[in-house]
PDB file of N, CA and C in Angstrom:
ATOM      1  N   MET A   1     -15.653 -17.792  -6.496  1.00  0.00           N
ATOM      2  CA  MET A   1     -15.870 -17.703  -5.070  1.00  0.00           C
ATOM      3  C   MET A   1     -15.272 -16.397  -4.555  1.00  0.00           C
ATOM      4  N   SER A   2     -16.007 -15.676  -3.746  1.00  0.00           N
ATOM      5  CA  SER A   2     -15.564 -14.395  -3.214  1.00  0.00           C
ATOM      6  C   SER A   2     -14.579 -14.593  -2.068  1.00  0.00           C
ATOM      7  N   GLN A   3     -13.510 -13.786  -2.073  1.00  0.00           N
ATOM      8  CA  GLN A   3     -12.518 -13.833  -1.004  1.00  0.00           C
ATOM      9  C   GLN A   3     -11.858 -12.469  -0.873  1.00  0.00           C
ATOM     10  N   THR A   4     -11.119 -12.279   0.200  1.00  0.00           N
ATOM     11  CA  THR A   4     -10.376 -11.043   0.409  1.00  0.00           C
ATOM     12  C   THR A   4      -8.898 -11.368   0.487  1.00  0.00           C
ATOM     13  N   LEU A   5      -8.094 -10.651  -0.303  1.00  0.00           N
ATOM     14  CA  LEU A   5      -6.643 -10.795  -0.276  1.00  0.00           C
ATOM     15  C   LEU A   5      -6.064  -9.599   0.464  1.00  0.00           C
ATOM     16  N   ASN A   6      -5.104  -9.850   1.356  1.00  0.00           N
ATOM     17  CA  ASN A   6      -4.489  -8.804   2.164  1.00  0.00           C
ATOM     18  C   ASN A   6      -2.981  -8.833   2.018  1.00  0.00           C
ATOM     19  N   THR A   7      -2.377  -7.662   2.108  1.00  0.00           N
ATOM     20  CA  THR A   7      -0.923  -7.553   2.160  1.00  0.00           C
ATOM     21  C   THR A   7      -0.576  -6.264   2.880  1.00  0.00           C
ATOM     22  N   THR A   8       0.683  -6.113   3.265  1.00  0.00           N
ATOM     23  CA  THR A   8       1.131  -4.858   3.857  1.00  0.00           C
ATOM     24  C   THR A   8       2.347  -4.342   3.100  1.00  0.00           C
ATOM     25  N   PHE A   9       2.512  -3.020   3.143  1.00  0.00           N
ATOM     26  CA  PHE A   9       3.623  -2.358   2.463  1.00  0.00           C
ATOM     27  C   PHE A   9       4.383  -1.489   3.455  1.00  0.00           C
ATOM     28  N   ALA A  10       5.691  -1.363   3.223  1.00  0.00           N
ATOM     29  CA  ALA A  10       6.541  -0.562   4.106  1.00  0.00           C
ATOM     30  C   ALA A  10       6.305   0.929   3.935  1.00  0.00           C
ATOM     31  N   THR A  11       5.825   1.341   2.761  1.00  0.00           N
ATOM     32  CA  THR A  11       5.593   2.769   2.519  1.00  0.00           C
ATOM     33  C   THR A  11       4.234   2.997   1.871  1.00  0.00           C
ATOM     34  N   ARG A  12       3.725   4.185   2.108  1.00  0.00           N
ATOM     35  CA  ARG A  12       2.470   4.588   1.464  1.00  0.00           C
ATOM     36  C   ARG A  12       2.645   4.570  -0.051  1.00  0.00           C
ATOM     37  N   ARG A  13       3.815   4.998  -0.527  1.00  0.00           N
ATOM     38  CA  ARG A  13       4.087   5.042  -1.969  1.00  0.00           C
ATOM     39  C   ARG A  13       3.943   3.658  -2.598  1.00  0.00           C
ATOM     40  N   ASP A  14       4.531   2.637  -1.969  1.00  0.00           N
ATOM     41  CA  ASP A  14       4.432   1.276  -2.509  1.00  0.00           C
ATOM     42  C   ASP A  14       2.980   0.806  -2.553  1.00  0.00           C
ATOM     43  N   ALA A  15       2.223   1.113  -1.504  1.00  0.00           N
ATOM     44  CA  ALA A  15       0.805   0.736  -1.475  1.00  0.00           C
ATOM     45  C   ALA A  15       0.045   1.418  -2.610  1.00  0.00           C
ATOM     46  N   GLU A  16       0.309   2.710  -2.799  1.00  0.00           N
ATOM     47  CA  GLU A  16      -0.378   3.451  -3.857  1.00  0.00           C
ATOM     48  C   GLU A  16      -0.017   2.934  -5.247  1.00  0.00           C
ATOM     49  N   LEU A  17       1.252   2.580  -5.455  1.00  0.00           N
ATOM     50  CA  LEU A  17       1.659   2.028  -6.751  1.00  0.00           C
ATOM     51  C   LEU A  17       0.948   0.704  -7.034  1.00  0.00           C
ATOM     52  N   ALA A  18       0.837  -0.146  -6.023  1.00  0.00           N
ATOM     53  CA  ALA A  18       0.141  -1.425  -6.203  1.00  0.00           C
ATOM     54  C   ALA A  18      -1.330  -1.195  -6.534  1.00  0.00           C
ATOM     55  N   ILE A  19      -1.957  -0.271  -5.829  1.00  0.00           N
ATOM     56  CA  ILE A  19      -3.368   0.023  -6.070  1.00  0.00           C
ATOM     57  C   ILE A  19      -3.571   0.551  -7.488  1.00  0.00           C
ATOM     58  N   GLU A  20      -2.746   1.494  -7.902  1.00  0.00           N
ATOM     59  CA  GLU A  20      -2.888   2.048  -9.250  1.00  0.00           C
ATOM     60  C   GLU A  20      -2.642   0.997 -10.322  1.00  0.00           C
ATOM     61  N   ARG A  21      -1.709   0.102 -10.102  1.00  0.00           N
ATOM     62  CA  ARG A  21      -1.480  -0.986 -11.061  1.00  0.00           C
ATOM     63  C   ARG A  21      -2.736  -1.842 -11.183  1.00  0.00           C
ATOM     64  N   LEU A  22      -3.341  -2.199 -10.045  1.00  0.00           N
ATOM     65  CA  LEU A  22      -4.545  -3.036 -10.070  1.00  0.00           C
ATOM     66  C   LEU A  22      -5.698  -2.342 -10.790  1.00  0.00           C
ATOM     67  N   VAL A  23      -5.883  -1.060 -10.522  1.00  0.00           N
ATOM     68  CA  VAL A  23      -7.002  -0.320 -11.107  1.00  0.00           C
ATOM     69  C   VAL A  23      -6.769  -0.029 -12.586  1.00  0.00           C
ATOM     70  N   GLN A  24      -5.616   0.542 -12.901  1.00  0.00           N
ATOM     71  CA  GLN A  24      -5.375   1.020 -14.259  1.00  0.00           C
ATOM     72  C   GLN A  24      -5.004  -0.080 -15.247  1.00  0.00           C
ATOM     73  N   GLU A  25      -4.212  -1.042 -14.813  1.00  0.00           N
ATOM     74  CA  GLU A  25      -3.743  -2.071 -15.746  1.00  0.00           C
ATOM     75  C   GLU A  25      -4.584  -3.337 -15.740  1.00  0.00           C
ATOM     76  N   HIS A  26      -5.260  -3.604 -14.628  1.00  0.00           N
ATOM     77  CA  HIS A  26      -5.975  -4.880 -14.525  1.00  0.00           C
ATOM     78  C   HIS A  26      -7.478  -4.733 -14.309  1.00  0.00           C
ATOM     79  N   GLY A  27      -7.974  -3.490 -14.250  1.00  0.00           N
ATOM     80  CA  GLY A  27      -9.412  -3.270 -14.182  1.00  0.00           C
ATOM     81  C   GLY A  27     -10.081  -3.638 -12.872  1.00  0.00           C
ATOM     82  N   ILE A  28      -9.313  -3.746 -11.796  1.00  0.00           N
ATOM     83  CA  ILE A  28      -9.917  -4.016 -10.486  1.00  0.00           C
ATOM     84  C   ILE A  28     -10.647  -2.743 -10.055  1.00  0.00           C
ATOM     85  N   GLU A  29     -11.861  -2.890  -9.572  1.00  0.00           N
ATOM     86  CA  GLU A  29     -12.649  -1.730  -9.153  1.00  0.00           C
ATOM     87  C   GLU A  29     -12.042  -1.095  -7.905  1.00  0.00           C
ATOM     88  N   ARG A  30     -11.887   0.213  -7.943  1.00  0.00           N
ATOM     89  CA  ARG A  30     -11.323   0.936  -6.797  1.00  0.00           C
ATOM     90  C   ARG A  30     -12.178   0.734  -5.543  1.00  0.00           C
ATOM     91  N   THR A  31     -13.475   0.537  -5.721  1.00  0.00           N
ATOM     92  CA  THR A  31     -14.370   0.328  -4.578  1.00  0.00           C
ATOM     93  C   THR A  31     -14.157  -1.018  -3.904  1.00  0.00           C
ATOM     94  N   ASP A  32     -13.393  -1.912  -4.532  1.00  0.00           N
ATOM     95  CA  ASP A  32     -13.083  -3.216  -3.941  1.00  0.00           C
ATOM     96  C   ASP A  32     -11.742  -3.219  -3.212  1.00  0.00           C
ATOM     97  N   ILE A  33     -11.081  -2.056  -3.147  1.00  0.00           N
ATOM     98  CA  ILE A  33      -9.758  -1.944  -2.533  1.00  0.00           C
ATOM     99  C   ILE A  33      -9.859  -1.072  -1.288  1.00  0.00           C
ATOM    100  N   PHE A  34      -9.272  -1.549  -0.199  1.00  0.00           N
ATOM    101  CA  PHE A  34      -9.327  -0.849   1.084  1.00  0.00           C
ATOM    102  C   PHE A  34      -7.911  -0.655   1.606  1.00  0.00           C
ATOM    103  N   VAL A  35      -7.640   0.524   2.171  1.00  0.00           N
ATOM    104  CA  VAL A  35      -6.312   0.870   2.660  1.00  0.00           C
ATOM    105  C   VAL A  35      -6.435   1.387   4.086  1.00  0.00           C
ATOM    106  N   ALA A  36      -5.548   0.914   4.967  1.00  0.00           N
ATOM    107  CA  ALA A  36      -5.560   1.351   6.363  1.00  0.00           C
ATOM    108  C   ALA A  36      -4.190   1.096   6.974  1.00  0.00           C
ATOM    109  N   PRO A  37      -3.863   1.802   8.055  1.00  0.00           N
ATOM    110  CA  PRO A  37      -2.626   1.458   8.750  1.00  0.00           C
ATOM    111  C   PRO A  37      -2.774   0.076   9.373  1.00  0.00           C
ATOM    112  N   GLU A  38      -1.676  -0.643   9.490  1.00  0.00           N
ATOM    113  CA  GLU A  38      -1.733  -1.987  10.068  1.00  0.00           C
ATOM    114  C   GLU A  38      -2.118  -1.946  11.545  1.00  0.00           C
ATOM    115  N   GLY A  39      -1.696  -0.917  12.253  1.00  0.00           N
ATOM    116  CA  GLY A  39      -2.018  -0.779  13.672  1.00  0.00           C
ATOM    117  C   GLY A  39      -3.091   0.269  13.899  1.00  0.00           C
ATOM    118  N   ALA A  40      -3.241   0.673  15.156  1.00  0.00           N
ATOM    119  CA  ALA A  40      -4.274   1.637  15.524  1.00  0.00           C
ATOM    120  C   ALA A  40      -3.885   3.080  15.201  1.00  0.00           C
ATOM    121  N   ALA A  41      -2.585   3.375  15.164  1.00  0.00           N
ATOM    122  CA  ALA A  41      -2.120   4.749  14.932  1.00  0.00           C
ATOM    123  C   ALA A  41      -2.106   5.079  13.446  1.00  0.00           C
ATOM    124  N   ASN A  42      -2.343   6.360  13.123  1.00  0.00           N
ATOM    125  CA  ASN A  42      -2.208   6.827  11.749  1.00  0.00           C
ATOM    126  C   ASN A  42      -0.783   6.559  11.287  1.00  0.00           C
ATOM    127  N   SER A  43      -0.611   6.174  10.037  1.00  0.00           N
ATOM    128  CA  SER A  43       0.727   5.852   9.557  1.00  0.00           C
ATOM    129  C   SER A  43       0.861   6.103   8.066  1.00  0.00           C
ATOM    130  N   ALA A  44       2.070   6.518   7.673  1.00  0.00           N
ATOM    131  CA  ALA A  44       2.432   6.639   6.263  1.00  0.00           C
ATOM    132  C   ALA A  44       3.348   5.488   5.881  1.00  0.00           C
ATOM    133  N   GLY A  45       3.436   4.492   6.748  1.00  0.00           N
ATOM    134  CA  GLY A  45       4.316   3.352   6.536  1.00  0.00           C
ATOM    135  C   GLY A  45       5.371   3.295   7.617  1.00  0.00           C
ATOM    136  N   GLU A  46       6.355   2.424   7.426  1.00  0.00           N
ATOM    137  CA  GLU A  46       7.425   2.323   8.413  1.00  0.00           C
ATOM    138  C   GLU A  46       8.756   2.839   7.882  1.00  0.00           C
ATOM    139  N   ASP A  47       8.820   3.154   6.594  1.00  0.00           N
ATOM    140  CA  ASP A  47      10.024   3.686   5.969  1.00  0.00           C
ATOM    141  C   ASP A  47       9.734   5.060   5.378  1.00  0.00           C
ATOM    142  N   VAL A  48      10.713   5.940   5.424  1.00  0.00           N
ATOM    143  CA  VAL A  48      10.581   7.273   4.834  1.00  0.00           C
ATOM    144  C   VAL A  48      10.464   7.144   3.325  1.00  0.00           C
ATOM    145  N   SER A  49       9.505   7.871   2.744  1.00  0.00           N
ATOM    146  CA  SER A  49       9.278   7.820   1.302  1.00  0.00           C
ATOM    147  C   SER A  49       8.499   9.053   0.882  1.00  0.00           C
ATOM    148  N   GLY A  50       8.654   9.448  -0.365  1.00  0.00           N
ATOM    149  CA  GLY A  50       7.862  10.546  -0.908  1.00  0.00           C
ATOM    150  C   GLY A  50       8.010  11.830  -0.129  1.00  0.00           C
ATOM    151  N   SER A  51       6.898  12.454   0.232  1.00  0.00           N
ATOM    152  CA  SER A  51       6.927  13.751   0.905  1.00  0.00           C
ATOM    153  C   SER A  51       7.440  13.662   2.336  1.00  0.00           C
ATOM    154  N   ASP A  52       7.650  12.462   2.850  1.00  0.00           N
ATOM    155  CA  ASP A  52       8.226  12.299   4.181  1.00  0.00           C
ATOM    156  C   ASP A  52       9.746  12.434   4.160  1.00  0.00           C
ATOM    157  N   GLN A  53      10.332  12.461   2.963  1.00  0.00           N
ATOM    158  CA  GLN A  53      11.779  12.577   2.840  1.00  0.00           C
ATOM    159  C   GLN A  53      12.228  14.000   3.136  1.00  0.00           C
ATOM    160  N   ALA A  54      13.529  14.136   3.369  1.00  0.00           N
ATOM    161  CA  ALA A  54      14.105  15.459   3.578  1.00  0.00           C
ATOM    162  C   ALA A  54      13.848  16.323   2.349  1.00  0.00           C
ATOM    163  N   SER A  55      13.674  17.601   2.569  1.00  0.00           N
ATOM    164  CA  SER A  55      13.437  18.526   1.461  1.00  0.00           C
ATOM    165  C   SER A  55      14.637  18.559   0.532  1.00  0.00           C
ATOM    166  N   ALA A  56      14.381  18.590  -0.751  1.00  0.00           N
ATOM    167  CA  ALA A  56      15.458  18.673  -1.737  1.00  0.00           C
ATOM    168  C   ALA A  56      15.899  20.111  -1.949  1.00  0.00           C
ATOM    169  N   ALA A  57      15.113  21.058  -1.464  1.00  0.00           N
ATOM    170  CA  ALA A  57      15.441  22.468  -1.659  1.00  0.00           C
ATOM    171  C   ALA A  57      16.559  22.890  -0.708  1.00  0.00           C
ATOM    172  N   PRO A  58      17.595  23.536  -1.228  1.00  0.00           N
ATOM    173  CA  PRO A  58      18.685  24.001  -0.363  1.00  0.00           C
ATOM    174  C   PRO A  58      18.161  24.965   0.699  1.00  0.00           C
ATOM    175  N   GLY A  59      18.684  24.844   1.892  1.00  0.00           N
ATOM    176  CA  GLY A  59      18.307  25.742   2.972  1.00  0.00           C
ATOM    177  C   GLY A  59      17.034  25.374   3.699  1.00  0.00           C
ATOM    178  N   GLN A  60      16.344  24.352   3.249  1.00  0.00           N
ATOM    179  CA  GLN A  60      15.119  23.919   3.917  1.00  0.00           C
ATOM    180  C   GLN A  60      15.466  22.887   4.986  1.00  0.00           C
ATOM    181  N   PRO A  61      14.830  22.981   6.146  1.00  0.00           N
ATOM    182  CA  PRO A  61      15.131  22.006   7.201  1.00  0.00           C
ATOM    183  C   PRO A  61      14.631  20.612   6.830  1.00  0.00           C
ATOM    184  N   GLN A  62      15.329  19.607   7.335  1.00  0.00           N
ATOM    185  CA  GLN A  62      14.916  18.226   7.095  1.00  0.00           C
ATOM    186  C   GLN A  62      13.640  17.946   7.877  1.00  0.00           C
ATOM    187  N   ARG A  63      12.723  17.242   7.262  1.00  0.00           N
ATOM    188  CA  ARG A  63      11.474  16.872   7.932  1.00  0.00           C
ATOM    189  C   ARG A  63      11.710  15.658   8.815  1.00  0.00           C
ATOM    190  N   ASN A  64      11.068  15.658   9.953  1.00  0.00           N
ATOM    191  CA  ASN A  64      11.112  14.494  10.833  1.00  0.00           C
ATOM    192  C   ASN A  64       9.750  14.261  11.475  1.00  0.00           C
ATOM    193  N   ASP A  65       8.707  14.760  10.802  1.00  0.00           N
ATOM    194  CA  ASP A  65       7.366  14.673  11.369  1.00  0.00           C
ATOM    195  C   ASP A  65       6.468  13.666  10.654  1.00  0.00           C
ATOM    196  N   GLY A  66       7.038  12.824   9.808  1.00  0.00           N
ATOM    197  CA  GLY A  66       6.235  11.817   9.115  1.00  0.00           C
ATOM    198  C   GLY A  66       5.632  10.818  10.098  1.00  0.00           C
ATOM    199  N   ALA A  67       4.418  10.408   9.835  1.00  0.00           N
ATOM    200  CA  ALA A  67       3.730   9.439  10.702  1.00  0.00           C
ATOM    201  C   ALA A  67       4.193   8.027  10.347  1.00  0.00           C
ATOM    202  N   LEU A  68       5.392   7.669  10.802  1.00  0.00           N
ATOM    203  CA  LEU A  68       5.959   6.348  10.499  1.00  0.00           C
ATOM    204  C   LEU A  68       5.647   5.406  11.659  1.00  0.00           C
ATOM    205  N   ASN A  69       4.385   4.988  11.726  1.00  0.00           N
ATOM    206  CA  ASN A  69       3.895   4.199  12.855  1.00  0.00           C
ATOM    207  C   ASN A  69       3.520   2.773  12.490  1.00  0.00           C
ATOM    208  N   GLY A  70       4.071   2.236  11.418  1.00  0.00           N
ATOM    209  CA  GLY A  70       3.775   0.859  11.023  1.00  0.00           C
ATOM    210  C   GLY A  70       3.432   0.753   9.552  1.00  0.00           C
ATOM    211  N   ARG A  71       3.287  -0.465   9.100  1.00  0.00           N
ATOM    212  CA  ARG A  71       3.051  -0.758   7.690  1.00  0.00           C
ATOM    213  C   ARG A  71       1.645  -0.336   7.258  1.00  0.00           C
ATOM    214  N   ILE A  72       1.454  -0.253   5.947  1.00  0.00           N
ATOM    215  CA  ILE A  72       0.167   0.088   5.341  1.00  0.00           C
ATOM    216  C   ILE A  72      -0.476  -1.200   4.835  1.00  0.00           C
ATOM    217  N   GLU A  73      -1.696  -1.476   5.282  1.00  0.00           N
ATOM    218  CA  GLU A  73      -2.393  -2.689   4.852  1.00  0.00           C
ATOM    219  C   GLU A  73      -3.332  -2.374   3.691  1.00  0.00           C
ATOM    220  N   VAL A  74      -3.270  -3.216   2.676  1.00  0.00           N
ATOM    221  CA  VAL A  74      -4.161  -3.111   1.521  1.00  0.00           C
ATOM    222  C   VAL A  74      -4.946  -4.414   1.427  1.00  0.00           C
ATOM    223  N   SER A  75      -6.265  -4.301   1.324  1.00  0.00           N
ATOM    224  CA  SER A  75      -7.149  -5.455   1.175  1.00  0.00           C
ATOM    225  C   SER A  75      -7.940  -5.296  -0.113  1.00  0.00           C
ATOM    226  N   VAL A  76      -8.124  -6.392  -0.821  1.00  0.00           N
ATOM    227  CA  VAL A  76      -8.895  -6.373  -2.061  1.00  0.00           C
ATOM    228  C   VAL A  76      -9.958  -7.460  -1.990  1.00  0.00           C
ATOM    229  N   ASP A  77     -11.222  -7.066  -2.166  1.00  0.00           N
ATOM    230  CA  ASP A  77     -12.309  -8.037  -2.266  1.00  0.00           C
ATOM    231  C   ASP A  77     -12.307  -8.576  -3.690  1.00  0.00           C
ATOM    232  N   VAL A  78     -12.190  -9.887  -3.818  1.00  0.00           N
ATOM    233  CA  VAL A  78     -12.064 -10.530  -5.126  1.00  0.00           C
ATOM    234  C   VAL A  78     -13.300 -11.381  -5.383  1.00  0.00           C
ATOM    235  N   GLY A  79     -14.003 -11.086  -6.471  1.00  0.00           N
ATOM    236  CA  GLY A  79     -15.181 -11.859  -6.835  1.00  0.00           C
ATOM    237  C   GLY A  79     -14.918 -12.854  -7.947  1.00  0.00           C
ATOM    238  N   ASN A  80     -13.792 -12.702  -8.631  1.00  0.00           N
ATOM    239  CA  ASN A  80     -13.449 -13.542  -9.775  1.00  0.00           C
ATOM    240  C   ASN A  80     -12.133 -14.258  -9.481  1.00  0.00           C
ATOM    241  N   ASP A  81     -12.163 -15.577  -9.448  1.00  0.00           N
ATOM    242  CA  ASP A  81     -10.957 -16.352  -9.138  1.00  0.00           C
ATOM    243  C   ASP A  81      -9.809 -16.074 -10.104  1.00  0.00           C
ATOM    244  N   ASP A  82     -10.129 -15.654 -11.330  1.00  0.00           N
ATOM    245  CA  ASP A  82      -9.082 -15.349 -12.310  1.00  0.00           C
ATOM    246  C   ASP A  82      -8.247 -14.137 -11.901  1.00  0.00           C
ATOM    247  N   ASP A  83      -8.785 -13.277 -11.028  1.00  0.00           N
ATOM    248  CA  ASP A  83      -8.071 -12.074 -10.595  1.00  0.00           C
ATOM    249  C   ASP A  83      -7.084 -12.336  -9.459  1.00  0.00           C
ATOM    250  N   VAL A  84      -7.192 -13.461  -8.787  1.00  0.00           N
ATOM    251  CA  VAL A  84      -6.347 -13.740  -7.621  1.00  0.00           C
ATOM    252  C   VAL A  84      -4.865 -13.677  -7.969  1.00  0.00           C
ATOM    253  N   ALA A  85      -4.440 -14.355  -9.013  1.00  0.00           N
ATOM    254  CA  ALA A  85      -3.022 -14.380  -9.385  1.00  0.00           C
ATOM    255  C   ALA A  85      -2.527 -12.994  -9.783  1.00  0.00           C
ATOM    256  N   VAL A  86      -3.353 -12.229 -10.479  1.00  0.00           N
ATOM    257  CA  VAL A  86      -2.982 -10.875 -10.901  1.00  0.00           C
ATOM    258  C   VAL A  86      -2.774  -9.980  -9.679  1.00  0.00           C
ATOM    259  N   ILE A  87      -3.678 -10.063  -8.728  1.00  0.00           N
ATOM    260  CA  ILE A  87      -3.592  -9.244  -7.518  1.00  0.00           C
ATOM    261  C   ILE A  87      -2.368  -9.640  -6.700  1.00  0.00           C
ATOM    262  N   GLN A  88      -2.166 -10.930  -6.508  1.00  0.00           N
ATOM    263  CA  GLN A  88      -1.004 -11.392  -5.750  1.00  0.00           C
ATOM    264  C   GLN A  88       0.301 -10.973  -6.420  1.00  0.00           C
ATOM    265  N   ALA A  89       0.359 -11.019  -7.740  1.00  0.00           N
ATOM    266  CA  ALA A  89       1.567 -10.612  -8.467  1.00  0.00           C
ATOM    267  C   ALA A  89       1.839  -9.121  -8.274  1.00  0.00           C
ATOM    268  N   ALA A  90       0.805  -8.298  -8.332  1.00  0.00           N
ATOM    269  CA  ALA A  90       0.981  -6.856  -8.116  1.00  0.00           C
ATOM    270  C   ALA A  90       1.445  -6.576  -6.692  1.00  0.00           C
ATOM    271  N   PHE A  91       0.862  -7.264  -5.725  1.00  0.00           N
ATOM    272  CA  PHE A  91       1.295  -7.121  -4.333  1.00  0.00           C
ATOM    273  C   PHE A  91       2.783  -7.441  -4.204  1.00  0.00           C
ATOM    274  N   THR A  92       3.192  -8.568  -4.758  1.00  0.00           N
ATOM    275  CA  THR A  92       4.583  -9.012  -4.648  1.00  0.00           C
ATOM    276  C   THR A  92       5.533  -8.058  -5.361  1.00  0.00           C
ATOM    277  N   GLU A  93       5.174  -7.656  -6.569  1.00  0.00           N
ATOM    278  CA  GLU A  93       6.042  -6.774  -7.351  1.00  0.00           C
ATOM    279  C   GLU A  93       6.299  -5.447  -6.642  1.00  0.00           C
ATOM    280  N   MET A  94       5.324  -4.946  -5.916  1.00  0.00           N
ATOM    281  CA  MET A  94       5.465  -3.661  -5.228  1.00  0.00           C
ATOM    282  C   MET A  94       5.967  -3.813  -3.792  1.00  0.00           C
ATOM    283  N   GLY A  95       6.369  -5.021  -3.403  1.00  0.00           N
ATOM    284  CA  GLY A  95       6.976  -5.215  -2.088  1.00  0.00           C
ATOM    285  C   GLY A  95       6.024  -5.607  -0.983  1.00  0.00           C
ATOM    286  N   GLY A  96       4.840  -6.074  -1.333  1.00  0.00           N
ATOM    287  CA  GLY A  96       3.877  -6.481  -0.314  1.00  0.00           C
ATOM    288  C   GLY A  96       4.340  -7.703   0.459  1.00  0.00           C
ATOM    289  N   GLN A  97       3.958  -7.747   1.735  1.00  0.00           N
ATOM    290  CA  GLN A  97       4.235  -8.891   2.600  1.00  0.00           C
ATOM    291  C   GLN A  97       2.917  -9.373   3.186  1.00  0.00           C
ATOM    292  N   ALA A  98       2.889 -10.618   3.604  1.00  0.00           N
ATOM    293  CA  ALA A  98       1.666 -11.179   4.176  1.00  0.00           C
ATOM    294  C   ALA A  98       1.199 -10.333   5.358  1.00  0.00           C
ATOM    295  N   ALA A  99      -0.087 -10.018   5.374  1.00  0.00           N
ATOM    296  CA  ALA A  99      -0.649  -9.222   6.463  1.00  0.00           C
ATOM    297  C   ALA A  99      -0.804 -10.076   7.704  1.00  0.00           C
ATOM    298  N   LYS A 100      -0.667  -9.443   8.868  1.00  0.00           N
ATOM    299  CA  LYS A 100      -0.881 -10.143  10.135  1.00  0.00           C
ATOM    300  C   LYS A 100      -2.371 -10.370  10.319  1.00  0.00           C
ATOM    301  N   GLY A 101      -2.693 -11.460  11.014  1.00  0.00           N
ATOM    302  CA  GLY A 101      -4.100 -11.724  11.330  1.00  0.00           C
ATOM    303  C   GLY A 101      -4.766 -12.355  10.233  1.00  0.00           C
TER     304      GLY A 101
END
């Protein structure tokens, strides 16, 4: 039975890690995975991560321009019931939380 599983992540990095795990390790089709900010504003998540962090190079100013406007929502269209547990486990392992709505 076809269904859609949703979760949200605090950072873009966590969302990307979950997506890559699903695609590379479990064979989920990338075309069945959708990513968007949880709200209306563009967002890289709600926590600083990756390139949103302060520069590691000495003498470089700290960045404060990251679009931290809310969580990142990931949705996966599931056509095979056997994939549900795998997808939910990847979501949980990477810090996913139940999506609103």
